[in-house]
Amino acid sequence: MQVIVRDNNIDQALRVLKKKLQREGVFREMRARRHYEKPSERRNREEAEAIRRHRKMAKKKMQREGLLPAPKKVVRPR
């Protein structure tokens, strides 16, 4: 992975690098590999993640079709 530093602006380059690493899932991978995870625990976690994703997609689909009310937008005072 490569990040170009422009005008000696290290802070901007670090922000870009962190965003790229986040998009690639490197931070999640590091957190997951911090401790050993038994294969049965991994299966259970992945199954739970899949169920969560499926429910989230189903909820969004129902909202698009008008079967569920859309989430309320948060109005922030200025």
N, C-alpha and C. Protein backbone atom coordinates (compact mmCIF):
# COMPACT_ATOMS: atom_id res chain seq x y z
N MET A 1 0.85 -1.16 0.00
CA MET A 1 0.00 0.00 0.00
C MET A 1 0.89 1.23 0.00
N GLN A 2 0.49 2.23 -0.74
CA GLN A 2 1.34 3.40 -0.90
C GLN A 2 0.51 4.66 -0.74
N VAL A 3 1.06 5.64 -0.02
CA VAL A 3 0.41 6.92 0.17
C VAL A 3 1.39 8.01 -0.22
N ILE A 4 0.95 8.95 -1.00
CA ILE A 4 1.81 10.04 -1.45
C ILE A 4 1.71 11.20 -0.47
N VAL A 5 2.87 11.71 -0.04
CA VAL A 5 2.91 12.86 0.86
C VAL A 5 3.09 14.11 0.00
N ARG A 6 2.12 15.02 0.11
CA ARG A 6 2.18 16.24 -0.70
C ARG A 6 2.52 17.43 0.21
N ASP A 7 3.42 18.26 -0.23
CA ASP A 7 3.81 19.49 0.48
C ASP A 7 4.23 19.21 1.93
N ASN A 8 4.90 18.09 2.15
CA ASN A 8 5.36 17.70 3.50
C ASN A 8 4.22 17.67 4.52
N ASN A 9 3.01 17.37 4.07
CA ASN A 9 1.86 17.33 4.96
C ASN A 9 1.66 15.88 5.44
N ILE A 10 2.36 15.56 6.53
CA ILE A 10 2.33 14.20 7.08
C ILE A 10 0.96 13.87 7.66
N ASP A 11 0.30 14.85 8.30
CA ASP A 11 -1.00 14.60 8.91
C ASP A 11 -2.03 14.15 7.87
N GLN A 12 -2.05 14.82 6.75
CA GLN A 12 -2.99 14.45 5.68
C GLN A 12 -2.66 13.05 5.15
N ALA A 13 -1.38 12.75 4.98
CA ALA A 13 -0.97 11.44 4.48
C ALA A 13 -1.37 10.34 5.47
N LEU A 14 -1.22 10.61 6.77
CA LEU A 14 -1.62 9.62 7.78
C LEU A 14 -3.12 9.38 7.75
N ARG A 15 -3.89 10.45 7.57
CA ARG A 15 -5.35 10.30 7.48
C ARG A 15 -5.72 9.43 6.29
N VAL A 16 -5.08 9.67 5.15
CA VAL A 16 -5.35 8.88 3.96
C VAL A 16 -4.97 7.42 4.18
N LEU A 17 -3.81 7.19 4.81
CA LEU A 17 -3.37 5.82 5.09
C LEU A 17 -4.35 5.10 6.01
N LYS A 18 -4.78 5.77 7.07
CA LYS A 18 -5.72 5.14 8.00
C LYS A 18 -7.03 4.80 7.31
N LYS A 19 -7.48 5.69 6.44
CA LYS A 19 -8.74 5.43 5.72
C LYS A 19 -8.58 4.22 4.81
N LYS A 20 -7.43 4.11 4.13
CA LYS A 20 -7.19 2.96 3.26
C LYS A 20 -7.13 1.67 4.07
N LEU A 21 -6.44 1.69 5.21
CA LEU A 21 -6.34 0.51 6.05
C LEU A 21 -7.72 0.11 6.58
N GLN A 22 -8.52 1.10 6.95
CA GLN A 22 -9.87 0.83 7.45
C GLN A 22 -10.70 0.16 6.36
N ARG A 23 -10.61 0.68 5.14
CA ARG A 23 -11.38 0.12 4.03
C ARG A 23 -10.97 -1.31 3.72
N GLU A 24 -9.69 -1.61 3.87
CA GLU A 24 -9.18 -2.95 3.58
C GLU A 24 -9.51 -3.94 4.71
N GLY A 25 -9.90 -3.44 5.88
CA GLY A 25 -10.24 -4.32 6.99
C GLY A 25 -9.03 -4.75 7.81
N VAL A 26 -7.94 -4.01 7.73
CA VAL A 26 -6.71 -4.39 8.44
C VAL A 26 -6.91 -4.26 9.94
N PHE A 27 -7.58 -3.20 10.38
CA PHE A 27 -7.78 -2.99 11.82
C PHE A 27 -8.65 -4.10 12.41
N ARG A 28 -9.68 -4.49 11.70
CA ARG A 28 -10.57 -5.56 12.18
C ARG A 28 -9.79 -6.86 12.26
N GLU A 29 -8.95 -7.10 11.27
CA GLU A 29 -8.13 -8.32 11.25
C GLU A 29 -7.15 -8.34 12.43
N MET A 30 -6.53 -7.20 12.71
CA MET A 30 -5.58 -7.14 13.83
C MET A 30 -6.30 -7.41 15.14
N ARG A 31 -7.49 -6.83 15.32
CA ARG A 31 -8.24 -7.04 16.54
C ARG A 31 -8.64 -8.50 16.68
N ALA A 32 -9.01 -9.13 15.56
CA ALA A 32 -9.44 -10.53 15.60
C ALA A 32 -8.27 -11.46 15.91
N ARG A 33 -7.06 -11.12 15.47
CA ARG A 33 -5.90 -11.99 15.67
C ARG A 33 -5.15 -11.72 16.97
N ARG A 34 -5.65 -10.79 17.77
CA ARG A 34 -4.98 -10.50 19.04
C ARG A 34 -4.96 -11.71 19.96
N HIS A 35 -6.05 -12.48 19.93
CA HIS A 35 -6.16 -13.68 20.76
C HIS A 35 -6.59 -14.84 19.87
N TYR A 36 -6.24 -16.04 20.30
CA TYR A 36 -6.62 -17.22 19.54
C TYR A 36 -8.13 -17.43 19.65
N GLU A 37 -8.73 -17.76 18.53
CA GLU A 37 -10.16 -18.02 18.50
C GLU A 37 -10.37 -19.47 18.06
N LYS A 38 -11.06 -20.22 18.91
CA LYS A 38 -11.30 -21.62 18.57
C LYS A 38 -12.16 -21.69 17.31
N PRO A 39 -11.99 -22.76 16.52
CA PRO A 39 -12.79 -22.88 15.29
C PRO A 39 -14.29 -22.85 15.55
N SER A 40 -14.74 -23.44 16.67
CA SER A 40 -16.17 -23.42 16.97
C SER A 40 -16.63 -21.99 17.28
N GLU A 41 -15.81 -21.21 18.00
CA GLU A 41 -16.15 -19.83 18.29
C GLU A 41 -16.19 -19.00 17.01
N ARG A 42 -15.25 -19.29 16.10
CA ARG A 42 -15.21 -18.56 14.83
C ARG A 42 -16.47 -18.85 14.01
N ARG A 43 -16.87 -20.14 13.96
CA ARG A 43 -18.09 -20.51 13.23
C ARG A 43 -19.29 -19.79 13.81
N ASN A 44 -19.40 -19.80 15.15
CA ASN A 44 -20.54 -19.14 15.80
C ASN A 44 -20.55 -17.65 15.51
N ARG A 45 -19.39 -17.01 15.56
CA ARG A 45 -19.31 -15.57 15.31
C ARG A 45 -19.69 -15.24 13.88
N GLU A 46 -19.15 -16.02 12.93
CA GLU A 46 -19.44 -15.76 11.53
C GLU A 46 -20.92 -16.00 11.22
N GLU A 47 -21.50 -17.01 11.85
CA GLU A 47 -22.93 -17.28 11.64
C GLU A 47 -23.77 -16.13 12.20
N ALA A 48 -23.39 -15.63 13.37
CA ALA A 48 -24.12 -14.51 13.97
C ALA A 48 -24.00 -13.26 13.10
N GLU A 49 -22.81 -13.03 12.53
CA GLU A 49 -22.61 -11.88 11.65
C GLU A 49 -23.48 -12.00 10.40
N ALA A 50 -23.56 -13.21 9.86
CA ALA A 50 -24.38 -13.43 8.66
C ALA A 50 -25.85 -13.18 8.96
N ILE A 51 -26.31 -13.64 10.12
CA ILE A 51 -27.71 -13.41 10.51
C ILE A 51 -27.97 -11.93 10.67
N ARG A 52 -27.03 -11.22 11.31
CA ARG A 52 -27.18 -9.78 11.51
C ARG A 52 -27.26 -9.05 10.17
N ARG A 53 -26.36 -9.43 9.24
CA ARG A 53 -26.37 -8.80 7.89
C ARG A 53 -27.70 -9.06 7.19
N HIS A 54 -28.17 -10.30 7.28
CA HIS A 54 -29.42 -10.67 6.60
C HIS A 54 -30.59 -9.88 7.17
N ARG A 55 -30.66 -9.77 8.50
CA ARG A 55 -31.75 -9.01 9.12
C ARG A 55 -31.69 -7.54 8.73
N LYS A 56 -30.49 -7.00 8.67
CA LYS A 56 -30.33 -5.59 8.31
C LYS A 56 -30.80 -5.36 6.87
N MET A 57 -30.42 -6.26 5.95
CA MET A 57 -30.85 -6.13 4.56
C MET A 57 -32.36 -6.27 4.44
N ALA A 58 -32.94 -7.22 5.19
CA ALA A 58 -34.39 -7.43 5.14
C ALA A 58 -35.12 -6.21 5.67
N LYS A 59 -34.59 -5.60 6.72
CA LYS A 59 -35.22 -4.41 7.30
C LYS A 59 -35.17 -3.26 6.30
N LYS A 60 -34.03 -3.06 5.64
CA LYS A 60 -33.91 -1.99 4.66
C LYS A 60 -34.85 -2.22 3.48
N LYS A 61 -34.98 -3.48 3.06
CA LYS A 61 -35.87 -3.80 1.95
C LYS A 61 -37.32 -3.49 2.32
N MET A 62 -37.72 -3.85 3.55
CA MET A 62 -39.08 -3.58 3.99
C MET A 62 -39.34 -2.08 4.09
N GLN A 63 -38.32 -1.31 4.49
CA GLN A 63 -38.47 0.14 4.56
C GLN A 63 -38.64 0.72 3.15
N ARG A 64 -37.88 0.21 2.20
CA ARG A 64 -37.99 0.70 0.81
C ARG A 64 -39.36 0.39 0.24
N GLU A 65 -39.92 -0.77 0.61
CA GLU A 65 -41.22 -1.17 0.09
C GLU A 65 -42.37 -0.52 0.84
N GLY A 66 -42.07 0.20 1.92
CA GLY A 66 -43.10 0.91 2.66
C GLY A 66 -43.79 0.06 3.71
N LEU A 67 -43.27 -1.11 4.00
CA LEU A 67 -43.88 -1.97 5.01
C LEU A 67 -43.47 -1.56 6.43
N LEU A 68 -42.33 -0.90 6.55
CA LEU A 68 -41.85 -0.39 7.83
C LEU A 68 -41.63 1.11 7.69
N PRO A 69 -41.84 1.88 8.76
CA PRO A 69 -41.56 3.31 8.66
C PRO A 69 -40.06 3.55 8.53
N ALA A 70 -39.70 4.55 7.76
CA ALA A 70 -38.29 4.90 7.59
C ALA A 70 -37.75 5.49 8.88
N PRO A 71 -36.46 5.35 9.14
CA PRO A 71 -35.90 5.94 10.36
C PRO A 71 -36.01 7.46 10.32
N LYS A 72 -36.26 8.04 11.49
CA LYS A 72 -36.39 9.49 11.57
C LYS A 72 -35.03 10.13 11.43
N LYS A 73 -34.97 11.25 10.72
CA LYS A 73 -33.72 11.96 10.54
C LYS A 73 -33.46 12.81 11.78
N VAL A 74 -32.21 12.84 12.20
CA VAL A 74 -31.83 13.60 13.39
C VAL A 74 -31.54 15.03 12.96
N VAL A 75 -32.24 15.97 13.60
CA VAL A 75 -32.02 17.38 13.32
C VAL A 75 -31.15 17.94 14.42
N ARG A 76 -29.97 18.43 14.04
CA ARG A 76 -29.04 18.98 15.02
C ARG A 76 -29.12 20.50 15.01
N PRO A 77 -29.26 21.10 16.17
CA PRO A 77 -29.30 22.57 16.21
C PRO A 77 -27.92 23.13 15.87
N ARG A 78 -27.94 24.30 15.24
CA ARG A 78 -26.64 24.91 14.85
C ARG A 78 -26.18 25.92 15.84
